[in-house]
Each structure stands twice: as C-alpha cells, then as structure tokens.
Amino acid sequence: MPFVRFTGFEKNVVEAVAPAIVEEMAAIANIPQEIVKIELLHVEKITNSPQSVEIYMFPREQEKHDAIAKMIDGHLKRQGFDRVHIFFVLLQHSLYYKEGMPLSGIPRKTVPEA
C-alpha cells in the first residue's frame, strides 16, 4: 500500500518508469519503498477512455498529493505521454483490512538507530 495502477499503457512503459516512481513516491509520502505497489491494469475499452493512473492510498496533506501527481506526470511526459489522467482514491484506515484486521495507522519510514 499504496497501489499505483496504470491503465492504457504498454508494459514496457510502466516497467521503465516504475523504479523512479517507487523511489520518489516513498520519499514524498515518507513511507518504505517496499510498500509501494505498481500495477498495470488490462481493461477492455467500451467507450473512449484516456490513459490513466489511479493511486489508492491513505489521505496525506494536499501538498503531498500534488507532489506525487506532478512527479508521476513528469515521468510520463518524458516518455511521451502528455494527456494522462491522474487521480487518487483515498482510503480509510478503519475500512482497510490486512489479515482480517483493520490497519491502525500509516506505515512510516523508520530511521535506523546509530
């Protein structure tokens, strides 16, 4: 958690941007890189739909959401994609379950003891 889900992209594009997105998103959100999940969704278009990036995560300060969206947009623009829709689906701790138990908080990066 968080989940970053790409729709309408080729796998090689997502694989190319994934390492940088994981690293930068973890830094912006102050979370361990290991919990950032990147997924490529395969959908069948019925009507015209844009390329998109859905970000499922717990709420943060608006500035952090803005920085994450801008960062992802920048990586995709450098790959030649300049009209991507990026949006957040904000989750609640009390309604997110792991092993049948609701989460009690947002995992944070820990600083190793010296």
PDB file of N, CA and C in Angstrom:
ATOM      1  N   MET A   1       0.848  -1.143   0.000  1.00  0.00           N
ATOM      2  CA  MET A   1       0.000   0.000   0.000  1.00  0.00           C
ATOM      3  C   MET A   1       0.900   1.213   0.000  1.00  0.00           C
ATOM      4  N   PRO A   2       0.828   2.172  -0.787  1.00  0.00           N
ATOM      5  CA  PRO A   2      -0.217   2.473  -1.756  1.00  0.00           C
ATOM      6  C   PRO A   2      -0.099   1.637  -3.033  1.00  0.00           C
ATOM      7  N   PHE A   3      -1.196   1.618  -3.779  1.00  0.00           N
ATOM      8  CA  PHE A   3      -1.239   0.964  -5.076  1.00  0.00           C
ATOM      9  C   PHE A   3      -1.272   2.041  -6.154  1.00  0.00           C
ATOM     10  N   VAL A   4      -0.391   1.919  -7.145  1.00  0.00           N
ATOM     11  CA  VAL A   4      -0.364   2.834  -8.282  1.00  0.00           C
ATOM     12  C   VAL A   4      -0.713   1.985  -9.498  1.00  0.00           C
ATOM     13  N   ARG A   5      -1.881   2.232 -10.074  1.00  0.00           N
ATOM     14  CA  ARG A   5      -2.413   1.374 -11.131  1.00  0.00           C
ATOM     15  C   ARG A   5      -2.495   2.134 -12.450  1.00  0.00           C
ATOM     16  N   PHE A   6      -1.802   1.608 -13.441  1.00  0.00           N
ATOM     17  CA  PHE A   6      -1.737   2.221 -14.766  1.00  0.00           C
ATOM     18  C   PHE A   6      -2.743   1.544 -15.680  1.00  0.00           C
ATOM     19  N   THR A   7      -3.482   2.333 -16.442  1.00  0.00           N
ATOM     20  CA  THR A   7      -4.446   1.823 -17.415  1.00  0.00           C
ATOM     21  C   THR A   7      -4.162   2.459 -18.771  1.00  0.00           C
ATOM     22  N   GLY A   8      -4.097   1.625 -19.803  1.00  0.00           N
ATOM     23  CA  GLY A   8      -3.923   2.119 -21.164  1.00  0.00           C
ATOM     24  C   GLY A   8      -2.477   2.265 -21.601  1.00  0.00           C
ATOM     25  N   PHE A   9      -1.557   1.683 -20.859  1.00  0.00           N
ATOM     26  CA  PHE A   9      -0.135   1.757 -21.178  1.00  0.00           C
ATOM     27  C   PHE A   9       0.405   0.392 -21.566  1.00  0.00           C
ATOM     28  N   GLU A  10       1.470   0.388 -22.336  1.00  0.00           N
ATOM     29  CA  GLU A  10       2.190  -0.847 -22.626  1.00  0.00           C
ATOM     30  C   GLU A  10       3.049  -1.200 -21.407  1.00  0.00           C
ATOM     31  N   LYS A  11       3.273  -2.479 -21.204  1.00  0.00           N
ATOM     32  CA  LYS A  11       4.025  -2.950 -20.052  1.00  0.00           C
ATOM     33  C   LYS A  11       5.430  -2.344 -19.997  1.00  0.00           C
ATOM     34  N   ASN A  12       6.089  -2.217 -21.141  1.00  0.00           N
ATOM     35  CA  ASN A  12       7.458  -1.698 -21.140  1.00  0.00           C
ATOM     36  C   ASN A  12       7.518  -0.249 -20.635  1.00  0.00           C
ATOM     37  N   VAL A  13       6.477   0.523 -20.873  1.00  0.00           N
ATOM     38  CA  VAL A  13       6.437   1.911 -20.391  1.00  0.00           C
ATOM     39  C   VAL A  13       6.352   1.919 -18.870  1.00  0.00           C
ATOM     40  N   VAL A  14       5.448   1.119 -18.328  1.00  0.00           N
ATOM     41  CA  VAL A  14       5.281   1.064 -16.875  1.00  0.00           C
ATOM     42  C   VAL A  14       6.552   0.539 -16.220  1.00  0.00           C
ATOM     43  N   GLU A  15       7.157  -0.485 -16.799  1.00  0.00           N
ATOM     44  CA  GLU A  15       8.401  -1.018 -16.253  1.00  0.00           C
ATOM     45  C   GLU A  15       9.518   0.025 -16.282  1.00  0.00           C
ATOM     46  N   ALA A  16       9.519   0.883 -17.279  1.00  0.00           N
ATOM     47  CA  ALA A  16      10.562   1.906 -17.395  1.00  0.00           C
ATOM     48  C   ALA A  16      10.441   2.985 -16.312  1.00  0.00           C
ATOM     49  N   VAL A  17       9.230   3.363 -15.974  1.00  0.00           N
ATOM     50  CA  VAL A  17       9.039   4.446 -15.002  1.00  0.00           C
ATOM     51  C   VAL A  17       8.871   3.955 -13.564  1.00  0.00           C
ATOM     52  N   ALA A  18       8.577   2.682 -13.388  1.00  0.00           N
ATOM     53  CA  ALA A  18       8.255   2.156 -12.060  1.00  0.00           C
ATOM     54  C   ALA A  18       9.347   2.379 -11.010  1.00  0.00           C
ATOM     55  N   PRO A  19      10.622   2.071 -11.283  1.00  0.00           N
ATOM     56  CA  PRO A  19      11.624   2.248 -10.218  1.00  0.00           C
ATOM     57  C   PRO A  19      11.712   3.680  -9.693  1.00  0.00           C
ATOM     58  N   ALA A  20      11.695   4.654 -10.577  1.00  0.00           N
ATOM     59  CA  ALA A  20      11.780   6.049 -10.146  1.00  0.00           C
ATOM     60  C   ALA A  20      10.516   6.464  -9.400  1.00  0.00           C
ATOM     61  N   ILE A  21       9.358   6.014  -9.865  1.00  0.00           N
ATOM     62  CA  ILE A  21       8.106   6.367  -9.189  1.00  0.00           C
ATOM     63  C   ILE A  21       8.083   5.789  -7.781  1.00  0.00           C
ATOM     64  N   VAL A  22       8.500   4.540  -7.625  1.00  0.00           N
ATOM     65  CA  VAL A  22       8.534   3.918  -6.296  1.00  0.00           C
ATOM     66  C   VAL A  22       9.446   4.721  -5.372  1.00  0.00           C
ATOM     67  N   GLU A  23      10.645   5.012  -5.841  1.00  0.00           N
ATOM     68  CA  GLU A  23      11.620   5.732  -5.012  1.00  0.00           C
ATOM     69  C   GLU A  23      11.118   7.122  -4.624  1.00  0.00           C
ATOM     70  N   GLU A  24      10.632   7.866  -5.604  1.00  0.00           N
ATOM     71  CA  GLU A  24      10.207   9.242  -5.336  1.00  0.00           C
ATOM     72  C   GLU A  24       8.908   9.307  -4.546  1.00  0.00           C
ATOM     73  N   MET A  25       7.974   8.402  -4.826  1.00  0.00           N
ATOM     74  CA  MET A  25       6.719   8.401  -4.080  1.00  0.00           C
ATOM     75  C   MET A  25       6.970   8.074  -2.614  1.00  0.00           C
ATOM     76  N   ALA A  26       7.849   7.112  -2.355  1.00  0.00           N
ATOM     77  CA  ALA A  26       8.184   6.759  -0.978  1.00  0.00           C
ATOM     78  C   ALA A  26       8.785   7.949  -0.243  1.00  0.00           C
ATOM     79  N   ALA A  27       9.646   8.691  -0.933  1.00  0.00           N
ATOM     80  CA  ALA A  27      10.265   9.858  -0.305  1.00  0.00           C
ATOM     81  C   ALA A  27       9.231  10.948  -0.010  1.00  0.00           C
ATOM     82  N   ILE A  28       8.356  11.209  -0.965  1.00  0.00           N
ATOM     83  CA  ILE A  28       7.339  12.260  -0.780  1.00  0.00           C
ATOM     84  C   ILE A  28       6.373  11.886   0.339  1.00  0.00           C
ATOM     85  N   ALA A  29       5.910  10.639   0.349  1.00  0.00           N
ATOM     86  CA  ALA A  29       4.905  10.204   1.316  1.00  0.00           C
ATOM     87  C   ALA A  29       5.511   9.735   2.639  1.00  0.00           C
ATOM     88  N   ASN A  30       6.851   9.679   2.708  1.00  0.00           N
ATOM     89  CA  ASN A  30       7.551   9.225   3.912  1.00  0.00           C
ATOM     90  C   ASN A  30       7.139   7.809   4.305  1.00  0.00           C
ATOM     91  N   ILE A  31       7.214   6.910   3.330  1.00  0.00           N
ATOM     92  CA  ILE A  31       6.873   5.505   3.557  1.00  0.00           C
ATOM     93  C   ILE A  31       7.998   4.632   3.010  1.00  0.00           C
ATOM     94  N   PRO A  32       8.081   3.388   3.464  1.00  0.00           N
ATOM     95  CA  PRO A  32       9.094   2.484   2.917  1.00  0.00           C
ATOM     96  C   PRO A  32       8.806   2.172   1.445  1.00  0.00           C
ATOM     97  N   GLN A  33       9.844   2.089   0.629  1.00  0.00           N
ATOM     98  CA  GLN A  33       9.676   1.770  -0.788  1.00  0.00           C
ATOM     99  C   GLN A  33       8.992   0.419  -0.983  1.00  0.00           C
ATOM    100  N   GLU A  34       9.232  -0.508  -0.074  1.00  0.00           N
ATOM    101  CA  GLU A  34       8.699  -1.863  -0.219  1.00  0.00           C
ATOM    102  C   GLU A  34       7.178  -1.924  -0.227  1.00  0.00           C
ATOM    103  N   ILE A  35       6.518  -0.903   0.287  1.00  0.00           N
ATOM    104  CA  ILE A  35       5.053  -0.976   0.334  1.00  0.00           C
ATOM    105  C   ILE A  35       4.378  -0.295  -0.850  1.00  0.00           C
ATOM    106  N   VAL A  36       5.161   0.349  -1.715  1.00  0.00           N
ATOM    107  CA  VAL A  36       4.579   0.974  -2.913  1.00  0.00           C
ATOM    108  C   VAL A  36       4.384  -0.115  -3.963  1.00  0.00           C
ATOM    109  N   LYS A  37       3.169  -0.314  -4.397  1.00  0.00           N
ATOM    110  CA  LYS A  37       2.823  -1.362  -5.364  1.00  0.00           C
ATOM    111  C   LYS A  37       2.496  -0.729  -6.713  1.00  0.00           C
ATOM    112  N   ILE A  38       3.139  -1.210  -7.766  1.00  0.00           N
ATOM    113  CA  ILE A  38       2.873  -0.729  -9.127  1.00  0.00           C
ATOM    114  C   ILE A  38       2.159  -1.839  -9.889  1.00  0.00           C
ATOM    115  N   GLU A  39       1.054  -1.499 -10.525  1.00  0.00           N
ATOM    116  CA  GLU A  39       0.280  -2.484 -11.278  1.00  0.00           C
ATOM    117  C   GLU A  39      -0.098  -1.930 -12.643  1.00  0.00           C
ATOM    118  N   LEU A  40      -0.197  -2.818 -13.607  1.00  0.00           N
ATOM    119  CA  LEU A  40      -0.690  -2.489 -14.941  1.00  0.00           C
ATOM    120  C   LEU A  40      -2.020  -3.195 -15.107  1.00  0.00           C
ATOM    121  N   LEU A  41      -3.088  -2.413 -15.263  1.00  0.00           N
ATOM    122  CA  LEU A  41      -4.419  -2.986 -15.428  1.00  0.00           C
ATOM    123  C   LEU A  41      -4.712  -3.199 -16.908  1.00  0.00           C
ATOM    124  N   HIS A  42      -5.271  -4.328 -17.207  1.00  0.00           N
ATOM    125  CA  HIS A  42      -5.686  -4.629 -18.578  1.00  0.00           C
ATOM    126  C   HIS A  42      -7.203  -4.488 -18.629  1.00  0.00           C
ATOM    127  N   VAL A  43      -7.645  -3.498 -19.365  1.00  0.00           N
ATOM    128  CA  VAL A  43      -9.075  -3.240 -19.474  1.00  0.00           C
ATOM    129  C   VAL A  43      -9.488  -3.275 -20.934  1.00  0.00           C
ATOM    130  N   GLU A  44     -10.729  -3.571 -21.150  1.00  0.00           N
ATOM    131  CA  GLU A  44     -11.283  -3.543 -22.497  1.00  0.00           C
ATOM    132  C   GLU A  44     -12.117  -2.276 -22.622  1.00  0.00           C
ATOM    133  N   LYS A  45     -11.710  -1.395 -23.520  1.00  0.00           N
ATOM    134  CA  LYS A  45     -12.431  -0.136 -23.701  1.00  0.00           C
ATOM    135  C   LYS A  45     -13.764  -0.401 -24.386  1.00  0.00           C
ATOM    136  N   ILE A  46     -14.795   0.162 -23.812  1.00  0.00           N
ATOM    137  CA  ILE A  46     -16.126   0.109 -24.416  1.00  0.00           C
ATOM    138  C   ILE A  46     -16.403   1.457 -25.089  1.00  0.00           C
ATOM    139  N   THR A  47     -16.056   2.523 -24.419  1.00  0.00           N
ATOM    140  CA  THR A  47     -16.138   3.864 -24.990  1.00  0.00           C
ATOM    141  C   THR A  47     -14.746   4.479 -24.882  1.00  0.00           C
ATOM    142  N   ASN A  48     -14.579   5.643 -25.465  1.00  0.00           N
ATOM    143  CA  ASN A  48     -13.287   6.311 -25.426  1.00  0.00           C
ATOM    144  C   ASN A  48     -12.894   6.600 -23.977  1.00  0.00           C
ATOM    145  N   SER A  49     -11.750   6.104 -23.560  1.00  0.00           N
ATOM    146  CA  SER A  49     -11.265   6.391 -22.210  1.00  0.00           C
ATOM    147  C   SER A  49      -9.780   6.720 -22.280  1.00  0.00           C
ATOM    148  N   PRO A  50      -9.345   7.659 -21.446  1.00  0.00           N
ATOM    149  CA  PRO A  50      -7.958   8.114 -21.515  1.00  0.00           C
ATOM    150  C   PRO A  50      -7.007   7.168 -20.792  1.00  0.00           C
ATOM    151  N   GLN A  51      -5.734   7.328 -21.083  1.00  0.00           N
ATOM    152  CA  GLN A  51      -4.728   6.664 -20.263  1.00  0.00           C
ATOM    153  C   GLN A  51      -4.830   7.280 -18.880  1.00  0.00           C
ATOM    154  N   SER A  52      -4.679   6.444 -17.866  1.00  0.00           N
ATOM    155  CA  SER A  52      -4.849   6.976 -16.522  1.00  0.00           C
ATOM    156  C   SER A  52      -3.944   6.273 -15.527  1.00  0.00           C
ATOM    157  N   VAL A  53      -3.747   6.956 -14.408  1.00  0.00           N
ATOM    158  CA  VAL A  53      -3.033   6.411 -13.268  1.00  0.00           C
ATOM    159  C   VAL A  53      -3.916   6.624 -12.052  1.00  0.00           C
ATOM    160  N   GLU A  54      -4.300   5.522 -11.422  1.00  0.00           N
ATOM    161  CA  GLU A  54      -5.111   5.560 -10.206  1.00  0.00           C
ATOM    162  C   GLU A  54      -4.173   5.308  -9.037  1.00  0.00           C
ATOM    163  N   ILE A  55      -4.269   6.134  -8.013  1.00  0.00           N
ATOM    164  CA  ILE A  55      -3.408   5.984  -6.848  1.00  0.00           C
ATOM    165  C   ILE A  55      -4.306   5.737  -5.639  1.00  0.00           C
ATOM    166  N   TYR A  56      -4.255   4.524  -5.130  1.00  0.00           N
ATOM    167  CA  TYR A  56      -5.023   4.150  -3.945  1.00  0.00           C
ATOM    168  C   TYR A  56      -4.109   4.325  -2.738  1.00  0.00           C
ATOM    169  N   MET A  57      -4.472   5.238  -1.847  1.00  0.00           N
ATOM    170  CA  MET A  57      -3.636   5.459  -0.674  1.00  0.00           C
ATOM    171  C   MET A  57      -4.442   6.131   0.423  1.00  0.00           C
ATOM    172  N   PHE A  58      -3.836   6.190   1.604  1.00  0.00           N
ATOM    173  CA  PHE A  58      -4.452   6.904   2.716  1.00  0.00           C
ATOM    174  C   PHE A  58      -4.230   8.404   2.527  1.00  0.00           C
ATOM    175  N   PRO A  59      -5.137   9.228   3.053  1.00  0.00           N
ATOM    176  CA  PRO A  59      -5.014  10.678   2.881  1.00  0.00           C
ATOM    177  C   PRO A  59      -3.715  11.225   3.467  1.00  0.00           C
ATOM    178  N   ARG A  60      -3.168  12.183   2.761  1.00  0.00           N
ATOM    179  CA  ARG A  60      -1.999  12.945   3.205  1.00  0.00           C
ATOM    180  C   ARG A  60      -2.345  14.422   3.051  1.00  0.00           C
ATOM    181  N   GLU A  61      -1.393  15.268   3.375  1.00  0.00           N
ATOM    182  CA  GLU A  61      -1.578  16.694   3.146  1.00  0.00           C
ATOM    183  C   GLU A  61      -1.735  16.928   1.647  1.00  0.00           C
ATOM    184  N   GLN A  62      -2.518  17.930   1.271  1.00  0.00           N
ATOM    185  CA  GLN A  62      -2.766  18.228  -0.145  1.00  0.00           C
ATOM    186  C   GLN A  62      -1.459  18.408  -0.912  1.00  0.00           C
ATOM    187  N   GLU A  63      -0.478  19.038  -0.283  1.00  0.00           N
ATOM    188  CA  GLU A  63       0.803  19.283  -0.943  1.00  0.00           C
ATOM    189  C   GLU A  63       1.491  17.975  -1.344  1.00  0.00           C
ATOM    190  N   LYS A  64       1.324  16.933  -0.526  1.00  0.00           N
ATOM    191  CA  LYS A  64       1.943  15.643  -0.852  1.00  0.00           C
ATOM    192  C   LYS A  64       1.227  14.987  -2.029  1.00  0.00           C
ATOM    193  N   HIS A  65      -0.098  15.060  -2.044  1.00  0.00           N
ATOM    194  CA  HIS A  65      -0.838  14.522  -3.186  1.00  0.00           C
ATOM    195  C   HIS A  65      -0.448  15.268  -4.462  1.00  0.00           C
ATOM    196  N   ASP A  66      -0.355  16.595  -4.357  1.00  0.00           N
ATOM    197  CA  ASP A  66       0.040  17.402  -5.517  1.00  0.00           C
ATOM    198  C   ASP A  66       1.422  17.010  -6.013  1.00  0.00           C
ATOM    199  N   ALA A  67       2.362  16.826  -5.088  1.00  0.00           N
ATOM    200  CA  ALA A  67       3.741  16.479  -5.463  1.00  0.00           C
ATOM    201  C   ALA A  67       3.810  15.100  -6.105  1.00  0.00           C
ATOM    202  N   ILE A  68       3.041  14.147  -5.603  1.00  0.00           N
ATOM    203  CA  ILE A  68       3.031  12.796  -6.179  1.00  0.00           C
ATOM    204  C   ILE A  68       2.464  12.845  -7.595  1.00  0.00           C
ATOM    205  N   ALA A  69       1.357  13.539  -7.779  1.00  0.00           N
ATOM    206  CA  ALA A  69       0.748  13.642  -9.116  1.00  0.00           C
ATOM    207  C   ALA A  69       1.696  14.327 -10.092  1.00  0.00           C
ATOM    208  N   LYS A  70       2.321  15.400  -9.668  1.00  0.00           N
ATOM    209  CA  LYS A  70       3.253  16.122 -10.536  1.00  0.00           C
ATOM    210  C   LYS A  70       4.451  15.253 -10.902  1.00  0.00           C
ATOM    211  N   MET A  71       4.957  14.493  -9.945  1.00  0.00           N
ATOM    212  CA  MET A  71       6.099  13.615 -10.184  1.00  0.00           C
ATOM    213  C   MET A  71       5.747  12.535 -11.217  1.00  0.00           C
ATOM    214  N   ILE A  72       4.600  11.884 -11.043  1.00  0.00           N
ATOM    215  CA  ILE A  72       4.182  10.836 -11.978  1.00  0.00           C
ATOM    216  C   ILE A  72       3.948  11.438 -13.365  1.00  0.00           C
ATOM    217  N   ASP A  73       3.282  12.581 -13.406  1.00  0.00           N
ATOM    218  CA  ASP A  73       3.037  13.255 -14.677  1.00  0.00           C
ATOM    219  C   ASP A  73       4.360  13.567 -15.382  1.00  0.00           C
ATOM    220  N   GLY A  74       5.346  14.030 -14.642  1.00  0.00           N
ATOM    221  CA  GLY A  74       6.648  14.339 -15.232  1.00  0.00           C
ATOM    222  C   GLY A  74       7.316  13.118 -15.840  1.00  0.00           C
ATOM    223  N   HIS A  75       7.281  11.995 -15.141  1.00  0.00           N
ATOM    224  CA  HIS A  75       7.876  10.771 -15.673  1.00  0.00           C
ATOM    225  C   HIS A  75       7.165  10.329 -16.953  1.00  0.00           C
ATOM    226  N   LEU A  76       5.847  10.433 -16.963  1.00  0.00           N
ATOM    227  CA  LEU A  76       5.093  10.008 -18.145  1.00  0.00           C
ATOM    228  C   LEU A  76       5.300  10.975 -19.310  1.00  0.00           C
ATOM    229  N   LYS A  77       5.393  12.261 -19.038  1.00  0.00           N
ATOM    230  CA  LYS A  77       5.657  13.227 -20.111  1.00  0.00           C
ATOM    231  C   LYS A  77       7.015  12.970 -20.761  1.00  0.00           C
ATOM    232  N   ARG A  78       8.011  12.608 -19.945  1.00  0.00           N
ATOM    233  CA  ARG A  78       9.337  12.303 -20.503  1.00  0.00           C
ATOM    234  C   ARG A  78       9.304  11.048 -21.373  1.00  0.00           C
ATOM    235  N   GLN A  79       8.284  10.219 -21.205  1.00  0.00           N
ATOM    236  CA  GLN A  79       8.098   9.033 -22.043  1.00  0.00           C
ATOM    237  C   GLN A  79       7.199   9.331 -23.248  1.00  0.00           C
ATOM    238  N   GLY A  80       6.735  10.591 -23.352  1.00  0.00           N
ATOM    239  CA  GLY A  80       5.912  10.984 -24.493  1.00  0.00           C
ATOM    240  C   GLY A  80       4.413  10.977 -24.247  1.00  0.00           C
ATOM    241  N   PHE A  81       3.988  10.831 -23.007  1.00  0.00           N
ATOM    242  CA  PHE A  81       2.560  10.797 -22.680  1.00  0.00           C
ATOM    243  C   PHE A  81       2.194  12.086 -21.957  1.00  0.00           C
ATOM    244  N   ASP A  82       1.497  12.977 -22.668  1.00  0.00           N
ATOM    245  CA  ASP A  82       1.236  14.283 -22.080  1.00  0.00           C
ATOM    246  C   ASP A  82      -0.232  14.564 -21.760  1.00  0.00           C
ATOM    247  N   ARG A  83      -1.094  13.576 -21.888  1.00  0.00           N
ATOM    248  CA  ARG A  83      -2.513  13.806 -21.600  1.00  0.00           C
ATOM    249  C   ARG A  83      -3.076  12.715 -20.688  1.00  0.00           C
ATOM    250  N   VAL A  84      -2.307  12.355 -19.693  1.00  0.00           N
ATOM    251  CA  VAL A  84      -2.692  11.273 -18.787  1.00  0.00           C
ATOM    252  C   VAL A  84      -3.539  11.826 -17.645  1.00  0.00           C
ATOM    253  N   HIS A  85      -4.591  11.115 -17.312  1.00  0.00           N
ATOM    254  CA  HIS A  85      -5.421  11.465 -16.163  1.00  0.00           C
ATOM    255  C   HIS A  85      -4.826  10.776 -14.936  1.00  0.00           C
ATOM    256  N   ILE A  86      -4.585  11.545 -13.890  1.00  0.00           N
ATOM    257  CA  ILE A  86      -4.040  11.003 -12.645  1.00  0.00           C
ATOM    258  C   ILE A  86      -5.032  11.357 -11.541  1.00  0.00           C
ATOM    259  N   PHE A  87      -5.432  10.347 -10.763  1.00  0.00           N
ATOM    260  CA  PHE A  87      -6.363  10.632  -9.679  1.00  0.00           C
ATOM    261  C   PHE A  87      -6.131   9.711  -8.497  1.00  0.00           C
ATOM    262  N   PHE A  88      -6.533  10.198  -7.343  1.00  0.00           N
ATOM    263  CA  PHE A  88      -6.373   9.475  -6.089  1.00  0.00           C
ATOM    264  C   PHE A  88      -7.699   8.877  -5.653  1.00  0.00           C
ATOM    265  N   VAL A  89      -7.627   7.687  -5.121  1.00  0.00           N
ATOM    266  CA  VAL A  89      -8.744   7.069  -4.427  1.00  0.00           C
ATOM    267  C   VAL A  89      -8.273   6.967  -2.976  1.00  0.00           C
ATOM    268  N   LEU A  90      -8.867   7.789  -2.120  1.00  0.00           N
ATOM    269  CA  LEU A  90      -8.408   7.855  -0.739  1.00  0.00           C
ATOM    270  C   LEU A  90      -9.124   6.819   0.115  1.00  0.00           C
ATOM    271  N   LEU A  91      -8.327   6.105   0.870  1.00  0.00           N
ATOM    272  CA  LEU A  91      -8.829   5.012   1.691  1.00  0.00           C
ATOM    273  C   LEU A  91      -8.886   5.413   3.158  1.00  0.00           C
ATOM    274  N   GLN A  92      -9.690   4.696   3.932  1.00  0.00           N
ATOM    275  CA  GLN A  92      -9.789   4.921   5.372  1.00  0.00           C
ATOM    276  C   GLN A  92      -9.133   3.763   6.101  1.00  0.00           C
ATOM    277  N   HIS A  93      -8.370   4.073   7.131  1.00  0.00           N
ATOM    278  CA  HIS A  93      -7.716   3.014   7.900  1.00  0.00           C
ATOM    279  C   HIS A  93      -8.725   2.005   8.437  1.00  0.00           C
ATOM    280  N   SER A  94      -9.820   2.502   8.951  1.00  0.00           N
ATOM    281  CA  SER A  94     -10.800   1.620   9.582  1.00  0.00           C
ATOM    282  C   SER A  94     -11.490   0.705   8.585  1.00  0.00           C
ATOM    283  N   LEU A  95     -11.389   1.016   7.279  1.00  0.00           N
ATOM    284  CA  LEU A  95     -12.025   0.192   6.257  1.00  0.00           C
ATOM    285  C   LEU A  95     -11.014  -0.538   5.379  1.00  0.00           C
ATOM    286  N   TYR A  96      -9.736  -0.546   5.796  1.00  0.00           N
ATOM    287  CA  TYR A  96      -8.689  -1.269   5.075  1.00  0.00           C
ATOM    288  C   TYR A  96      -8.226  -2.386   5.999  1.00  0.00           C
ATOM    289  N   TYR A  97      -8.343  -3.616   5.513  1.00  0.00           N
ATOM    290  CA  TYR A  97      -8.064  -4.775   6.352  1.00  0.00           C
ATOM    291  C   TYR A  97      -6.865  -5.551   5.831  1.00  0.00           C
ATOM    292  N   LYS A  98      -6.034  -5.988   6.742  1.00  0.00           N
ATOM    293  CA  LYS A  98      -4.902  -6.846   6.420  1.00  0.00           C
ATOM    294  C   LYS A  98      -4.970  -8.018   7.389  1.00  0.00           C
ATOM    295  N   GLU A  99      -5.063  -9.214   6.824  1.00  0.00           N
ATOM    296  CA  GLU A  99      -5.220 -10.423   7.627  1.00  0.00           C
ATOM    297  C   GLU A  99      -6.441 -10.336   8.542  1.00  0.00           C
ATOM    298  N   GLY A 100      -7.507  -9.735   8.024  1.00  0.00           N
ATOM    299  CA  GLY A 100      -8.766  -9.655   8.743  1.00  0.00           C
ATOM    300  C   GLY A 100      -8.850  -8.572   9.799  1.00  0.00           C
ATOM    301  N   MET A 101      -7.794  -7.777   9.941  1.00  0.00           N
ATOM    302  CA  MET A 101      -7.776  -6.747  10.972  1.00  0.00           C
ATOM    303  C   MET A 101      -7.620  -5.379  10.314  1.00  0.00           C
ATOM    304  N   PRO A 102      -8.372  -4.364  10.812  1.00  0.00           N
ATOM    305  CA  PRO A 102      -8.206  -3.025  10.241  1.00  0.00           C
ATOM    306  C   PRO A 102      -6.825  -2.466  10.585  1.00  0.00           C
ATOM    307  N   LEU A 103      -6.263  -1.708   9.667  1.00  0.00           N
ATOM    308  CA  LEU A 103      -4.975  -1.085   9.931  1.00  0.00           C
ATOM    309  C   LEU A 103      -5.140   0.003  10.982  1.00  0.00           C
ATOM    310  N   SER A 104      -4.116   0.181  11.779  1.00  0.00           N
ATOM    311  CA  SER A 104      -4.208   1.189  12.832  1.00  0.00           C
ATOM    312  C   SER A 104      -3.514   2.491  12.467  1.00  0.00           C
ATOM    313  N   GLY A 105      -2.699   2.476  11.410  1.00  0.00           N
ATOM    314  CA  GLY A 105      -2.008   3.700  11.039  1.00  0.00           C
ATOM    315  C   GLY A 105      -1.269   3.537   9.731  1.00  0.00           C
ATOM    316  N   ILE A 106      -0.691   4.634   9.273  1.00  0.00           N
ATOM    317  CA  ILE A 106       0.073   4.631   8.031  1.00  0.00           C
ATOM    318  C   ILE A 106       1.495   4.177   8.330  1.00  0.00           C
ATOM    319  N   PRO A 107       1.995   3.174   7.629  1.00  0.00           N
ATOM    320  CA  PRO A 107       3.394   2.794   7.839  1.00  0.00           C
ATOM    321  C   PRO A 107       4.316   3.955   7.464  1.00  0.00           C
ATOM    322  N   ARG A 108       5.298   4.195   8.274  1.00  0.00           N
ATOM    323  CA  ARG A 108       6.268   5.268   8.036  1.00  0.00           C
ATOM    324  C   ARG A 108       7.661   4.673   7.909  1.00  0.00           C
ATOM    325  N   LYS A 109       8.527   5.421   7.229  1.00  0.00           N
ATOM    326  CA  LYS A 109       9.925   5.026   7.185  1.00  0.00           C
ATOM    327  C   LYS A 109      10.485   5.114   8.589  1.00  0.00           C
ATOM    328  N   THR A 110      11.331   4.165   8.927  1.00  0.00           N
ATOM    329  CA  THR A 110      11.987   4.232  10.220  1.00  0.00           C
ATOM    330  C   THR A 110      13.451   4.569  10.004  1.00  0.00           C
ATOM    331  N   VAL A 111      13.974   5.335  10.925  1.00  0.00           N
ATOM    332  CA  VAL A 111      15.375   5.725  10.852  1.00  0.00           C
ATOM    333  C   VAL A 111      16.160   4.715  11.671  1.00  0.00           C
ATOM    334  N   PRO A 112      17.171   4.049  11.055  1.00  0.00           N
ATOM    335  CA  PRO A 112      17.953   3.064  11.809  1.00  0.00           C
ATOM    336  C   PRO A 112      18.662   3.726  12.985  1.00  0.00           C
ATOM    337  N   GLU A 113      18.721   2.983  14.077  1.00  0.00           N
ATOM    338  CA  GLU A 113      19.419   3.505  15.251  1.00  0.00           C
ATOM    339  C   GLU A 113      20.912   3.490  15.004  1.00  0.00           C
ATOM    340  N   ALA A 114      21.581   4.512  15.503  1.00  0.00           N
ATOM    341  CA  ALA A 114      23.032   4.632  15.309  1.00  0.00           C
ATOM    342  C   ALA A 114      23.798   3.870  16.352  1.00  0.00           C
TER     343      ALA A 114
END
